[in-house]
C-alpha atoms as a PDB file:
ATOM      1  CA  UNK A   1     -59.868 -48.716 -82.695  1.00  0.00           C
ATOM      2  CA  UNK A   2     -63.263 -49.769 -84.037  1.00  0.00           C
ATOM      3  CA  UNK A   3     -62.768 -53.499 -84.460  1.00  0.00           C
ATOM      4  CA  UNK A   4     -61.619 -56.193 -82.061  1.00  0.00           C
ATOM      5  CA  UNK A   5     -58.805 -58.093 -83.768  1.00  0.00           C
ATOM      6  CA  UNK A   6     -60.031 -61.474 -82.514  1.00  0.00           C
ATOM      7  CA  UNK A   7     -63.576 -61.011 -83.778  1.00  0.00           C
ATOM      8  CA  UNK A   8     -66.770 -60.109 -81.964  1.00  0.00           C
ATOM      9  CA  UNK A   9     -68.130 -56.746 -80.890  1.00  0.00           C
ATOM     10  CA  UNK A  10     -67.212 -54.331 -78.132  1.00  0.00           C
ATOM     11  CA  UNK A  11     -69.760 -54.512 -75.327  1.00  0.00           C
ATOM     12  CA  UNK A  12     -68.607 -51.316 -73.605  1.00  0.00           C
ATOM     13  CA  UNK A  13     -67.164 -48.008 -74.756  1.00  0.00           C
ATOM     14  CA  UNK A  14     -65.598 -45.511 -72.331  1.00  0.00           C
ATOM     15  CA  UNK A  15     -67.116 -42.063 -72.078  1.00  0.00           C
ATOM     16  CA  UNK A  16     -65.229 -39.047 -73.397  1.00  0.00           C
ATOM     17  CA  UNK A  17     -64.692 -37.927 -69.798  1.00  0.00           C
ATOM     18  CA  UNK A  18     -63.187 -41.268 -68.791  1.00  0.00           C
ATOM     19  CA  UNK A  19     -60.917 -41.283 -71.839  1.00  0.00           C
ATOM     20  CA  UNK A  20     -59.667 -37.793 -71.001  1.00  0.00           C
ATOM     21  CA  UNK A  21     -58.827 -38.886 -67.452  1.00  0.00           C
ATOM     22  CA  UNK A  22     -56.949 -42.020 -68.507  1.00  0.00           C
ATOM     23  CA  UNK A  23     -53.173 -42.295 -68.236  1.00  0.00           C
ATOM     24  CA  UNK A  24     -53.055 -43.323 -71.878  1.00  0.00           C
ATOM     25  CA  UNK A  25     -54.802 -40.189 -73.144  1.00  0.00           C
ATOM     26  CA  UNK A  26     -52.773 -37.968 -70.827  1.00  0.00           C
ATOM     27  CA  UNK A  27     -49.583 -39.533 -72.224  1.00  0.00           C
ATOM     28  CA  UNK A  28     -50.801 -38.866 -75.787  1.00  0.00           C
ATOM     29  CA  UNK A  29     -51.677 -35.261 -74.956  1.00  0.00           C
ATOM     30  CA  UNK A  30     -48.492 -34.523 -73.014  1.00  0.00           C
ATOM     31  CA  UNK A  31     -46.294 -35.617 -75.894  1.00  0.00           C
ATOM     32  CA  UNK A  32     -48.538 -34.097 -78.574  1.00  0.00           C
ATOM     33  CA  UNK A  33     -49.046 -37.358 -80.400  1.00  0.00           C
ATOM     34  CA  UNK A  34     -52.590 -36.526 -81.452  1.00  0.00           C
ATOM     35  CA  UNK A  35     -54.040 -40.019 -81.524  1.00  0.00           C
ATOM     36  CA  UNK A  36     -53.688 -43.580 -80.311  1.00  0.00           C
ATOM     37  CA  UNK A  37     -52.611 -44.662 -83.800  1.00  0.00           C
ATOM     38  CA  UNK A  38     -49.779 -42.126 -83.746  1.00  0.00           C
ATOM     39  CA  UNK A  39     -48.703 -43.393 -80.324  1.00  0.00           C
ATOM     40  CA  UNK A  40     -48.576 -46.923 -81.709  1.00  0.00           C
ATOM     41  CA  UNK A  41     -46.546 -45.766 -84.707  1.00  0.00           C
ATOM     42  CA  UNK A  42     -44.072 -43.756 -82.616  1.00  0.00           C
ATOM     43  CA  UNK A  43     -43.677 -46.491 -79.998  1.00  0.00           C
ATOM     44  CA  UNK A  44     -42.745 -49.074 -82.629  1.00  0.00           C
ATOM     45  CA  UNK A  45     -40.595 -46.909 -84.911  1.00  0.00           C
ATOM     46  CA  UNK A  46     -38.748 -45.033 -82.160  1.00  0.00           C
ATOM     47  CA  UNK A  47     -38.632 -47.503 -79.291  1.00  0.00           C
ATOM     48  CA  UNK A  48     -35.691 -45.756 -77.596  1.00  0.00           C
ATOM     49  CA  UNK A  49     -37.717 -42.527 -77.323  1.00  0.00           C
ATOM     50  CA  UNK A  50     -40.825 -44.370 -76.153  1.00  0.00           C
ATOM     51  CA  UNK A  51     -39.243 -46.413 -73.344  1.00  0.00           C
ATOM     52  CA  UNK A  52     -37.002 -43.576 -72.181  1.00  0.00           C
ATOM     53  CA  UNK A  53     -40.118 -41.398 -71.957  1.00  0.00           C
ATOM     54  CA  UNK A  54     -42.005 -44.107 -70.071  1.00  0.00           C
ATOM     55  CA  UNK A  55     -39.146 -44.620 -67.596  1.00  0.00           C
ATOM     56  CA  UNK A  56     -38.894 -40.907 -66.884  1.00  0.00           C
ATOM     57  CA  UNK A  57     -42.654 -40.487 -66.690  1.00  0.00           C
ATOM     58  CA  UNK A  58     -42.926 -43.289 -64.132  1.00  0.00           C
ATOM     59  CA  UNK A  59     -40.039 -41.831 -62.110  1.00  0.00           C
ATOM     60  CA  UNK A  60     -38.119 -45.108 -62.262  1.00  0.00           C
ATOM     61  CA  UNK A  61     -34.976 -44.524 -60.216  1.00  0.00           C
ATOM     62  CA  UNK A  62     -31.632 -46.105 -61.096  1.00  0.00           C
ATOM     63  CA  UNK A  63     -28.674 -46.516 -58.767  1.00  0.00           C
ATOM     64  CA  UNK A  64     -26.520 -45.863 -61.835  1.00  0.00           C
ATOM     65  CA  UNK A  65     -28.108 -44.149 -64.874  1.00  0.00           C
ATOM     66  CA  UNK A  66     -28.200 -46.023 -68.164  1.00  0.00           C
ATOM     67  CA  UNK A  67     -26.183 -44.676 -71.089  1.00  0.00           C
ATOM     68  CA  UNK A  68     -28.400 -46.170 -73.789  1.00  0.00           C
ATOM     69  CA  UNK A  69     -32.047 -47.216 -73.698  1.00  0.00           C
ATOM     70  CA  UNK A  70     -31.674 -50.224 -75.962  1.00  0.00           C
ATOM     71  CA  UNK A  71     -28.828 -51.882 -77.860  1.00  0.00           C
ATOM     72  CA  UNK A  72     -29.986 -53.962 -80.838  1.00  0.00           C
ATOM     73  CA  UNK A  73     -26.522 -54.517 -82.306  1.00  0.00           C
ATOM     74  CA  UNK A  74     -26.787 -58.291 -81.758  1.00  0.00           C
ATOM     75  CA  UNK A  75     -30.302 -58.444 -83.183  1.00  0.00           C
ATOM     76  CA  UNK A  76     -33.745 -57.965 -81.641  1.00  0.00           C
ATOM     77  CA  UNK A  77     -33.871 -61.379 -79.930  1.00  0.00           C
ATOM     78  CA  UNK A  78     -30.751 -60.381 -77.969  1.00  0.00           C
ATOM     79  CA  UNK A  79     -31.705 -56.791 -77.170  1.00  0.00           C
ATOM     80  CA  UNK A  80     -29.894 -55.185 -74.224  1.00  0.00           C
ATOM     81  CA  UNK A  81     -32.001 -52.656 -72.330  1.00  0.00           C
ATOM     82  CA  UNK A  82     -30.939 -49.746 -70.127  1.00  0.00           C
ATOM     83  CA  UNK A  83     -27.310 -50.357 -71.042  1.00  0.00           C
ATOM     84  CA  UNK A  84     -24.897 -49.575 -68.214  1.00  0.00           C
ATOM     85  CA  UNK A  85     -27.689 -48.843 -65.757  1.00  0.00           C
ATOM     86  CA  UNK A  86     -28.116 -50.416 -62.345  1.00  0.00           C
ATOM     87  CA  UNK A  87     -31.401 -50.668 -60.520  1.00  0.00           C
ATOM     88  CA  UNK A  88     -33.666 -52.978 -58.590  1.00  0.00           C
ATOM     89  CA  UNK A  89     -37.390 -52.700 -59.196  1.00  0.00           C
ATOM     90  CA  UNK A  90     -38.217 -53.352 -55.528  1.00  0.00           C
ATOM     91  CA  UNK A  91     -36.674 -49.987 -54.710  1.00  0.00           C
ATOM     92  CA  UNK A  92     -39.142 -48.379 -57.112  1.00  0.00           C
ATOM     93  CA  UNK A  93     -42.100 -50.469 -55.979  1.00  0.00           C
ATOM     94  CA  UNK A  94     -41.622 -50.222 -52.212  1.00  0.00           C
ATOM     95  CA  UNK A  95     -38.427 -48.811 -50.755  1.00  0.00           C
ATOM     96  CA  UNK A  96     -38.585 -45.299 -52.150  1.00  0.00           C
ATOM     97  CA  UNK A  97     -41.998 -44.810 -50.545  1.00  0.00           C
ATOM     98  CA  UNK A  98     -40.727 -45.420 -47.005  1.00  0.00           C
ATOM     99  CA  UNK A  99     -42.050 -42.800 -44.557  1.00  0.00           C
ATOM    100  CA  UNK A 100     -44.307 -41.239 -47.200  1.00  0.00           C
ATOM    101  CA  UNK A 101     -48.103 -41.182 -47.471  1.00  0.00           C
ATOM    102  CA  UNK A 102     -47.907 -44.145 -49.849  1.00  0.00           C
ATOM    103  CA  UNK A 103     -46.862 -46.300 -46.875  1.00  0.00           C
ATOM    104  CA  UNK A 104     -50.407 -46.105 -45.511  1.00  0.00           C
ATOM    105  CA  UNK A 105     -52.115 -47.081 -48.769  1.00  0.00           C
ATOM    106  CA  UNK A 106     -53.254 -50.569 -49.656  1.00  0.00           C
ATOM    107  CA  UNK A 107     -50.812 -52.549 -51.746  1.00  0.00           C
ATOM    108  CA  UNK A 108     -52.797 -55.814 -51.796  1.00  0.00           C
ATOM    109  CA  UNK A 109     -56.332 -56.855 -51.001  1.00  0.00           C
ATOM    110  CA  UNK A 110     -57.066 -60.560 -51.283  1.00  0.00           C
ATOM    111  CA  UNK A 111     -60.184 -62.679 -50.894  1.00  0.00           C
ATOM    112  CA  UNK A 112     -60.378 -66.437 -50.437  1.00  0.00           C
ATOM    113  CA  UNK A 113     -63.196 -68.766 -51.416  1.00  0.00           C
ATOM    114  CA  UNK A 114     -65.161 -68.359 -48.193  1.00  0.00           C
ATOM    115  CA  UNK A 115     -65.188 -64.587 -48.614  1.00  0.00           C
ATOM    116  CA  UNK A 116     -62.512 -63.822 -46.015  1.00  0.00           C
ATOM    117  CA  UNK A 117     -60.440 -60.801 -47.036  1.00  0.00           C
ATOM    118  CA  UNK A 118     -56.944 -59.652 -46.141  1.00  0.00           C
ATOM    119  CA  UNK A 119     -55.385 -56.241 -46.637  1.00  0.00           C
ATOM    120  CA  UNK A 120     -51.683 -55.391 -46.789  1.00  0.00           C
ATOM    121  CA  UNK A 121     -50.371 -51.826 -46.851  1.00  0.00           C
ATOM    122  CA  UNK A 122     -47.222 -50.738 -48.657  1.00  0.00           C
ATOM    123  CA  UNK A 123     -45.370 -50.507 -45.333  1.00  0.00           C
ATOM    124  CA  UNK A 124     -46.493 -53.970 -44.261  1.00  0.00           C
ATOM    125  CA  UNK A 125     -45.530 -55.421 -47.630  1.00  0.00           C
ATOM    126  CA  UNK A 126     -42.110 -53.757 -47.529  1.00  0.00           C
ATOM    127  CA  UNK A 127     -41.447 -55.081 -44.022  1.00  0.00           C
ATOM    128  CA  UNK A 128     -42.409 -58.625 -45.053  1.00  0.00           C
ATOM    129  CA  UNK A 129     -40.304 -58.450 -48.220  1.00  0.00           C
ATOM    130  CA  UNK A 130     -37.293 -57.166 -46.239  1.00  0.00           C
ATOM    131  CA  UNK A 131     -37.579 -59.992 -43.715  1.00  0.00           C
ATOM    132  CA  UNK A 132     -37.902 -62.613 -46.428  1.00  0.00           C
ATOM    133  CA  UNK A 133     -35.012 -61.142 -48.444  1.00  0.00           C
ATOM    134  CA  UNK A 134     -32.815 -61.297 -45.346  1.00  0.00           C
ATOM    135  CA  UNK A 135     -33.822 -64.907 -44.770  1.00  0.00           C
ATOM    136  CA  UNK A 136     -32.902 -65.784 -48.341  1.00  0.00           C
ATOM    137  CA  UNK A 137     -29.497 -64.155 -47.907  1.00  0.00           C
ATOM    138  CA  UNK A 138     -29.033 -66.097 -44.669  1.00  0.00           C
ATOM    139  CA  UNK A 139     -29.586 -69.289 -46.657  1.00  0.00           C
ATOM    140  CA  UNK A 140     -26.717 -68.260 -48.926  1.00  0.00           C
ATOM    141  CA  UNK A 141     -28.912 -67.220 -51.835  1.00  0.00           C
ATOM    142  CA  UNK A 142     -28.152 -64.096 -53.835  1.00  0.00           C
ATOM    143  CA  UNK A 143     -27.525 -62.520 -57.208  1.00  0.00           C
ATOM    144  CA  UNK A 144     -28.085 -64.836 -60.156  1.00  0.00           C
ATOM    145  CA  UNK A 145     -29.645 -67.670 -58.138  1.00  0.00           C
ATOM    146  CA  UNK A 146     -32.864 -69.038 -59.618  1.00  0.00           C
ATOM    147  CA  UNK A 147     -35.654 -69.534 -57.091  1.00  0.00           C
ATOM    148  CA  UNK A 148     -38.957 -71.147 -57.998  1.00  0.00           C
ATOM    149  CA  UNK A 149     -42.342 -69.997 -56.696  1.00  0.00           C
ATOM    150  CA  UNK A 150     -44.964 -72.762 -56.634  1.00  0.00           C
ATOM    151  CA  UNK A 151     -47.713 -71.175 -54.568  1.00  0.00           C
ATOM    152  CA  UNK A 152     -51.416 -70.291 -54.586  1.00  0.00           C
ATOM    153  CA  UNK A 153     -52.609 -66.754 -55.245  1.00  0.00           C
ATOM    154  CA  UNK A 154     -52.231 -65.344 -51.744  1.00  0.00           C
ATOM    155  CA  UNK A 155     -50.408 -62.169 -50.608  1.00  0.00           C
ATOM    156  CA  UNK A 156     -47.363 -64.237 -49.619  1.00  0.00           C
ATOM    157  CA  UNK A 157     -46.709 -65.036 -53.270  1.00  0.00           C
ATOM    158  CA  UNK A 158     -45.996 -61.325 -53.804  1.00  0.00           C
ATOM    159  CA  UNK A 159     -43.644 -61.337 -50.815  1.00  0.00           C
ATOM    160  CA  UNK A 160     -41.772 -64.301 -52.290  1.00  0.00           C
ATOM    161  CA  UNK A 161     -41.466 -62.750 -55.752  1.00  0.00           C
ATOM    162  CA  UNK A 162     -40.262 -59.359 -54.523  1.00  0.00           C
ATOM    163  CA  UNK A 163     -37.834 -60.860 -51.999  1.00  0.00           C
ATOM    164  CA  UNK A 164     -36.224 -62.899 -54.791  1.00  0.00           C
ATOM    165  CA  UNK A 165     -35.887 -59.830 -56.961  1.00  0.00           C
ATOM    166  CA  UNK A 166     -34.579 -57.732 -54.071  1.00  0.00           C
ATOM    167  CA  UNK A 167     -31.577 -60.003 -53.513  1.00  0.00           C
ATOM    168  CA  UNK A 168     -30.792 -59.997 -57.246  1.00  0.00           C
ATOM    169  CA  UNK A 169     -32.146 -63.497 -57.762  1.00  0.00           C
ATOM    170  CA  UNK A 170     -34.005 -64.931 -60.739  1.00  0.00           C
ATOM    171  CA  UNK A 171     -37.747 -65.294 -60.234  1.00  0.00           C
ATOM    172  CA  UNK A 172     -39.017 -68.594 -61.646  1.00  0.00           C
ATOM    173  CA  UNK A 173     -42.864 -68.640 -61.628  1.00  0.00           C
ATOM    174  CA  UNK A 174     -44.484 -72.073 -61.464  1.00  0.00           C
ATOM    175  CA  UNK A 175     -48.246 -72.407 -61.940  1.00  0.00           C
ATOM    176  CA  UNK A 176     -49.920 -73.691 -58.787  1.00  0.00           C
ATOM    177  CA  UNK A 177     -51.637 -76.439 -60.765  1.00  0.00           C
ATOM    178  CA  UNK A 178     -48.402 -77.903 -62.141  1.00  0.00           C
ATOM    179  CA  UNK A 179     -47.541 -81.522 -61.491  1.00  0.00           C
ATOM    180  CA  UNK A 180     -44.148 -82.850 -60.492  1.00  0.00           C
ATOM    181  CA  UNK A 181     -42.787 -83.259 -64.017  1.00  0.00           C
ATOM    182  CA  UNK A 182     -43.519 -79.658 -65.005  1.00  0.00           C
ATOM    183  CA  UNK A 183     -41.817 -78.281 -61.901  1.00  0.00           C
ATOM    184  CA  UNK A 184     -38.793 -80.553 -62.326  1.00  0.00           C
ATOM    185  CA  UNK A 185     -38.209 -79.698 -65.996  1.00  0.00           C
ATOM    186  CA  UNK A 186     -38.443 -75.942 -65.478  1.00  0.00           C
ATOM    187  CA  UNK A 187     -36.370 -75.954 -62.299  1.00  0.00           C
ATOM    188  CA  UNK A 188     -33.656 -78.096 -63.861  1.00  0.00           C
ATOM    189  CA  UNK A 189     -33.502 -75.778 -66.873  1.00  0.00           C
ATOM    190  CA  UNK A 190     -32.935 -72.854 -64.494  1.00  0.00           C
ATOM    191  CA  UNK A 191     -30.623 -74.703 -62.064  1.00  0.00           C
ATOM    192  CA  UNK A 192     -32.973 -73.574 -59.293  1.00  0.00           C
ATOM    193  CA  UNK A 193     -31.542 -73.578 -55.782  1.00  0.00           C
ATOM    194  CA  UNK A 194     -34.710 -73.026 -53.759  1.00  0.00           C
ATOM    195  CA  UNK A 195     -38.449 -73.418 -54.094  1.00  0.00           C
ATOM    196  CA  UNK A 196     -41.253 -71.501 -52.416  1.00  0.00           C
ATOM    197  CA  UNK A 197     -44.387 -73.566 -51.866  1.00  0.00           C
ATOM    198  CA  UNK A 198     -47.400 -73.892 -49.562  1.00  0.00           C
ATOM    199  CA  UNK A 199     -49.279 -76.617 -47.738  1.00  0.00           C
ATOM    200  CA  UNK A 200     -51.979 -76.377 -50.372  1.00  0.00           C
ATOM    201  CA  UNK A 201     -54.856 -74.343 -51.756  1.00  0.00           C
ATOM    202  CA  UNK A 202     -58.621 -74.529 -52.059  1.00  0.00           C
ATOM    203  CA  UNK A 203     -60.243 -74.813 -55.467  1.00  0.00           C
ATOM    204  CA  UNK A 204     -64.043 -74.920 -55.632  1.00  0.00           C
ATOM    205  CA  UNK A 205     -64.237 -75.927 -52.027  1.00  0.00           C
ATOM    206  CA  UNK A 206     -61.764 -78.794 -52.289  1.00  0.00           C
ATOM    207  CA  UNK A 207     -58.358 -78.705 -50.613  1.00  0.00           C
ATOM    208  CA  UNK A 208     -55.580 -79.415 -53.097  1.00  0.00           C
ATOM    209  CA  UNK A 209     -52.260 -80.329 -51.414  1.00  0.00           C
ATOM    210  CA  UNK A 210     -49.159 -78.684 -52.908  1.00  0.00           C
ATOM    211  CA  UNK A 211     -46.405 -79.601 -50.449  1.00  0.00           C
ATOM    212  CA  UNK A 212     -46.287 -83.305 -51.462  1.00  0.00           C
ATOM    213  CA  UNK A 213     -45.877 -82.254 -55.107  1.00  0.00           C
ATOM    214  CA  UNK A 214     -43.082 -79.858 -54.139  1.00  0.00           C
ATOM    215  CA  UNK A 215     -41.349 -82.546 -52.063  1.00  0.00           C
ATOM    216  CA  UNK A 216     -41.486 -85.012 -54.929  1.00  0.00           C
ATOM    217  CA  UNK A 217     -40.167 -82.436 -57.390  1.00  0.00           C
ATOM    218  CA  UNK A 218     -37.377 -81.170 -55.120  1.00  0.00           C
ATOM    219  CA  UNK A 219     -35.976 -84.684 -54.790  1.00  0.00           C
ATOM    220  CA  UNK A 220     -35.502 -84.766 -58.574  1.00  0.00           C
ATOM    221  CA  UNK A 221     -33.800 -81.379 -58.969  1.00  0.00           C
ATOM    222  CA  UNK A 222     -30.025 -81.737 -58.665  1.00  0.00           C
ATOM    223  CA  UNK A 223     -29.364 -78.115 -57.698  1.00  0.00           C
ATOM    224  CA  UNK A 224     -32.244 -77.781 -55.209  1.00  0.00           C
ATOM    225  CA  UNK A 225     -31.117 -76.937 -51.681  1.00  0.00           C
ATOM    226  CA  UNK A 226     -34.080 -75.483 -49.805  1.00  0.00           C
ATOM    227  CA  UNK A 227     -37.868 -75.565 -49.637  1.00  0.00           C
ATOM    228  CA  UNK A 228     -39.499 -72.439 -48.184  1.00  0.00           C
ATOM    229  CA  UNK A 229     -42.978 -73.457 -47.072  1.00  0.00           C
ATOM    230  CA  UNK A 230     -46.033 -71.369 -46.208  1.00  0.00           C
ATOM    231  CA  UNK A 231     -47.705 -73.523 -43.583  1.00  0.00           C
ATOM    232  CA  UNK A 232     -51.450 -73.799 -42.916  1.00  0.00           C
ATOM    233  CA  UNK A 233     -51.123 -71.532 -39.868  1.00  0.00           C
ATOM    234  CA  UNK A 234     -49.678 -68.772 -42.041  1.00  0.00           C
ATOM    235  CA  UNK A 235     -46.117 -69.143 -40.742  1.00  0.00           C
ATOM    236  CA  UNK A 236     -43.070 -69.753 -42.934  1.00  0.00           C
ATOM    237  CA  UNK A 237     -40.802 -72.769 -42.475  1.00  0.00           C
ATOM    238  CA  UNK A 238     -37.560 -73.616 -44.248  1.00  0.00           C
ATOM    239  CA  UNK A 239     -36.489 -77.177 -45.006  1.00  0.00           C
ATOM    240  CA  UNK A 240     -33.326 -78.537 -46.505  1.00  0.00           C
ATOM    241  CA  UNK A 241     -34.105 -80.810 -49.390  1.00  0.00           C
ATOM    242  CA  UNK A 242     -34.497 -84.138 -47.657  1.00  0.00           C
ATOM    243  CA  UNK A 243     -36.779 -82.747 -44.953  1.00  0.00           C
ATOM    244  CA  UNK A 244     -34.402 -81.473 -42.249  1.00  0.00           C
ATOM    245  CA  UNK A 245     -35.708 -78.303 -40.610  1.00  0.00           C
ATOM    246  CA  UNK A 246     -33.544 -75.204 -40.781  1.00  0.00           C
ATOM    247  CA  UNK A 247     -33.369 -72.969 -37.658  1.00  0.00           C
ATOM    248  CA  UNK A 248     -35.595 -69.879 -37.765  1.00  0.00           C
ATOM    249  CA  UNK A 249     -33.943 -67.096 -39.716  1.00  0.00           C
ATOM    250  CA  UNK A 250     -32.884 -63.837 -38.103  1.00  0.00           C
ATOM    251  CA  UNK A 251     -35.109 -60.742 -38.420  1.00  0.00           C
ATOM    252  CA  UNK A 252     -34.432 -58.401 -41.305  1.00  0.00           C
ATOM    253  CA  UNK A 253     -31.510 -56.047 -40.965  1.00  0.00           C
ATOM    254  CA  UNK A 254     -33.149 -53.068 -42.636  1.00  0.00           C
ATOM    255  CA  UNK A 255     -31.704 -50.834 -45.327  1.00  0.00           C
ATOM    256  CA  UNK A 256     -33.080 -50.369 -48.799  1.00  0.00           C
ATOM    257  CA  UNK A 257     -29.965 -50.350 -50.965  1.00  0.00           C
ATOM    258  CA  UNK A 258     -29.349 -53.496 -52.970  1.00  0.00           C
ATOM    259  CA  UNK A 259     -25.714 -54.580 -53.137  1.00  0.00           C
ATOM    260  CA  UNK A 260     -26.387 -56.580 -56.296  1.00  0.00           C
ATOM    261  CA  UNK A 261     -28.768 -54.679 -58.622  1.00  0.00           C
ATOM    262  CA  UNK A 262     -30.512 -56.902 -61.139  1.00  0.00           C
ATOM    263  CA  UNK A 263     -29.419 -56.127 -64.665  1.00  0.00           C
ATOM    264  CA  UNK A 264     -29.382 -59.307 -66.741  1.00  0.00           C
ATOM    265  CA  UNK A 265     -32.353 -60.625 -68.676  1.00  0.00           C
ATOM    266  CA  UNK A 266     -33.219 -64.253 -69.281  1.00  0.00           C
ATOM    267  CA  UNK A 267     -36.420 -65.347 -71.001  1.00  0.00           C
ATOM    268  CA  UNK A 268     -36.490 -68.700 -72.686  1.00  0.00           C
ATOM    269  CA  UNK A 269     -38.660 -71.717 -73.378  1.00  0.00           C
ATOM    270  CA  UNK A 270     -42.370 -72.009 -73.999  1.00  0.00           C
ATOM    271  CA  UNK A 271     -44.911 -69.266 -73.358  1.00  0.00           C
ATOM    272  CA  UNK A 272     -45.435 -70.477 -69.775  1.00  0.00           C
ATOM    273  CA  UNK A 273     -41.760 -71.246 -69.134  1.00  0.00           C
ATOM    274  CA  UNK A 274     -39.839 -68.108 -68.204  1.00  0.00           C
ATOM    275  CA  UNK A 275     -37.133 -66.832 -65.926  1.00  0.00           C
ATOM    276  CA  UNK A 276     -37.782 -63.218 -65.027  1.00  0.00           C
ATOM    277  CA  UNK A 277     -35.093 -60.703 -64.150  1.00  0.00           C
ATOM    278  CA  UNK A 278     -33.805 -57.548 -65.787  1.00  0.00           C
ATOM    279  CA  UNK A 279     -34.891 -54.108 -66.927  1.00  0.00           C
ATOM    280  CA  UNK A 280     -36.932 -55.090 -69.980  1.00  0.00           C
ATOM    281  CA  UNK A 281     -39.452 -57.333 -68.206  1.00  0.00           C
ATOM    282  CA  UNK A 282     -39.919 -54.973 -65.252  1.00  0.00           C
ATOM    283  CA  UNK A 283     -40.151 -51.840 -67.363  1.00  0.00           C
ATOM    284  CA  UNK A 284     -42.583 -53.349 -69.846  1.00  0.00           C
ATOM    285  CA  UNK A 285     -44.869 -54.666 -67.094  1.00  0.00           C
ATOM    286  CA  UNK A 286     -44.890 -51.334 -65.233  1.00  0.00           C
ATOM    287  CA  UNK A 287     -45.275 -49.293 -68.401  1.00  0.00           C
ATOM    288  CA  UNK A 288     -48.080 -51.442 -69.748  1.00  0.00           C
ATOM    289  CA  UNK A 289     -49.935 -51.234 -66.437  1.00  0.00           C
ATOM    290  CA  UNK A 290     -49.580 -47.461 -66.217  1.00  0.00           C
ATOM    291  CA  UNK A 291     -50.798 -46.799 -69.757  1.00  0.00           C
ATOM    292  CA  UNK A 292     -53.696 -49.264 -69.665  1.00  0.00           C
ATOM    293  CA  UNK A 293     -55.403 -47.967 -66.539  1.00  0.00           C
ATOM    294  CA  UNK A 294     -56.689 -44.617 -65.403  1.00  0.00           C
ATOM    295  CA  UNK A 295     -55.211 -42.919 -62.351  1.00  0.00           C
ATOM    296  CA  UNK A 296     -58.224 -43.915 -60.310  1.00  0.00           C
ATOM    297  CA  UNK A 297     -57.533 -47.578 -60.945  1.00  0.00           C
ATOM    298  CA  UNK A 298     -53.757 -47.752 -61.151  1.00  0.00           C
ATOM    299  CA  UNK A 299     -53.221 -46.221 -57.708  1.00  0.00           C
ATOM    300  CA  UNK A 300     -55.390 -48.814 -56.010  1.00  0.00           C
ATOM    301  CA  UNK A 301     -54.514 -52.209 -54.660  1.00  0.00           C
ATOM    302  CA  UNK A 302     -53.977 -55.439 -56.529  1.00  0.00           C
ATOM    303  CA  UNK A 303     -56.815 -57.940 -56.062  1.00  0.00           C
ATOM    304  CA  UNK A 304     -56.168 -61.673 -56.165  1.00  0.00           C
ATOM    305  CA  UNK A 305     -58.732 -64.300 -57.222  1.00  0.00           C
ATOM    306  CA  UNK A 306     -60.497 -66.363 -54.600  1.00  0.00           C
ATOM    307  CA  UNK A 307     -57.864 -68.998 -54.074  1.00  0.00           C
ATOM    308  CA  UNK A 308     -55.814 -69.502 -50.935  1.00  0.00           C
ATOM    309  CA  UNK A 309     -54.154 -71.873 -48.574  1.00  0.00           C
ATOM    310  CA  UNK A 310     -55.851 -72.838 -45.306  1.00  0.00           C
END
């Protein structure tokens, strides 16, 4: 690739050594594709081969193996991926690494505006996700329930997302800068039953409240039952819509198997209006990440921008 499709010039070119070490080049070499252009051609003309190879290469584990990578019989817009398979991506992200060396590695490193950093290991993240998933089940939430996440970029947003996915729910991302109307329209479209939010976040040194926006939105969402709030002291609180506090949830019960594997895909609306659940979204995100970064980068933590609640 010698030209940038959006115009302009490349300001950096990787060395031959770095290219050779990259996951992308190793994938090309392993499957004897010869060049990046040939990889692009093969991945678009034989998508079943490409994604089956990616899934196997990433050691994505299924509770029940799929019988067909992709079914396009209803047309590309209605593609069905990993037909007949059952899996939950949280098992592949966290649970399968229990009691391994991965447990000790950093999963997340975050930094807020004042320079304060936080680190979360894989074990710590798994424990937090398990506790939150159990709390969601205790609230009566489960497979197929849409749950919005209207939070700043702090480690707890990852806990919320993965807990939703772990119980088989539908993850509904809501930009932390959204106003009431945007949250209401997207949540009503999804029939959302719960909403994660936070007291607020700092942007350029100014505290921006989020809870009042969430309260206002929740009152206008017919299906909304619960607000799950990250308070300023870092503790979680659960409120029924209307403001009544819910008793503290029980600690997580343990166990990594998911009774309701996620397997349906929903993606609709504008570019920033999506419901995420199903094999295609998870596989594409994981595959794209693995092929874009070298081993040295892809095995490190995820870093969040300097934005957090106080």
